[in-house]
Each structure stands twice: as C-alpha cells, then as structure tokens.
Amino acid sequence: MVNKKDSLLKEQTTIVSYYSYPGLKYSTKLKVIDPDSIAISSRVTTDDIARTVSTVFTINTKEMFSKSRLHDTVCARRAFIAIVSEFFNLTLSAIGKLTNRNHATVLHSNRQHQNWMGTYPEYTVLYEQAREMCININLYENEEIDESNL
C-alpha cells in the first residue's frame, strides 16, 4: 500500500496545478508547505481556498473580495492572501488580481498577517483552522476503502 503523504511529496515537483478565478487562469508548480506536512493536493484551487476561508471566518466570498474595510472582512481577506501566498508560486500582482488589490496591498497584507499572528489569538486560531482545512481538501478523494478491515 502506497503512503499518500509520500506519494504526494514525490509528485510535488512534477504536478502542475491549473486553477482559475473569474477572468484569470494560471498554472503553477506546487510549493512544499514544510517537509513534514502533506503537500497540497493538485486539485485545490484558489476558489476552494476562498470558500474555505469565507466559511471559517463566516463571511460571504463576494464580500471578502469587496472594498469593505470591516474588521471581519479584512481578517478573512488577509488569511486568504496568506494562504494563497504560501500554497502557490504566484507573484504579488497575480494575487492582487485575485483579490482586486494591487501588489503593494498584498505585500502589506502579508506583513500585517505576520504581526496579527502574534497579536490576535482569535485570528491565529481561525487562520490555522482555515489553513488546515485547505491542506486537507480532496486529500482522500481517490483513496479506496479497504472493506476487509471493516
């Protein structure tokens, strides 16, 4: 039996993730999140991440990409930008196009994310929850259940 973690880590350099967001299409190689963690599935898209983050932060996905400066919206947007920056090899401008922002705003958001991780424990908990959910999206989709063990 092949270990799912090992197979994903071996394939990570050859997997190309194709994903799209309204009006944008990108292809990129996956990043290793860290050597001991599971590489993100090639089927995970920025749309999946947006839905996951908006669910965890309990806001509408459309609201997350709006011009709103409400605290909850800013928290969700900041978490989305941090997760996309970590999981995909995208430029700041490309991430900015996904979020209707410019590259400087994305850079500022990443810096503020680091500050918030140490300052706001509620944000840290929600971010970690969203990140873990994004890592686990579609992870076991193709695994077959061994009925002999049931």
Foldseek 3Di string as FASTA:
>chain_A
DDDLQVVQVVCQQVQWAWEADVPDTDIFGWDDLDPVDGQADSPQYLVNLLVLLCVLLVHDSVLLLDPDPDPSSLLSVLLSLQLCVRTGPDQLQVSCVRSVHHSVVSVVSPVVVVVCCVVPVVSVVSSVVSNVVRRPVCSCVPPDDDPVVD
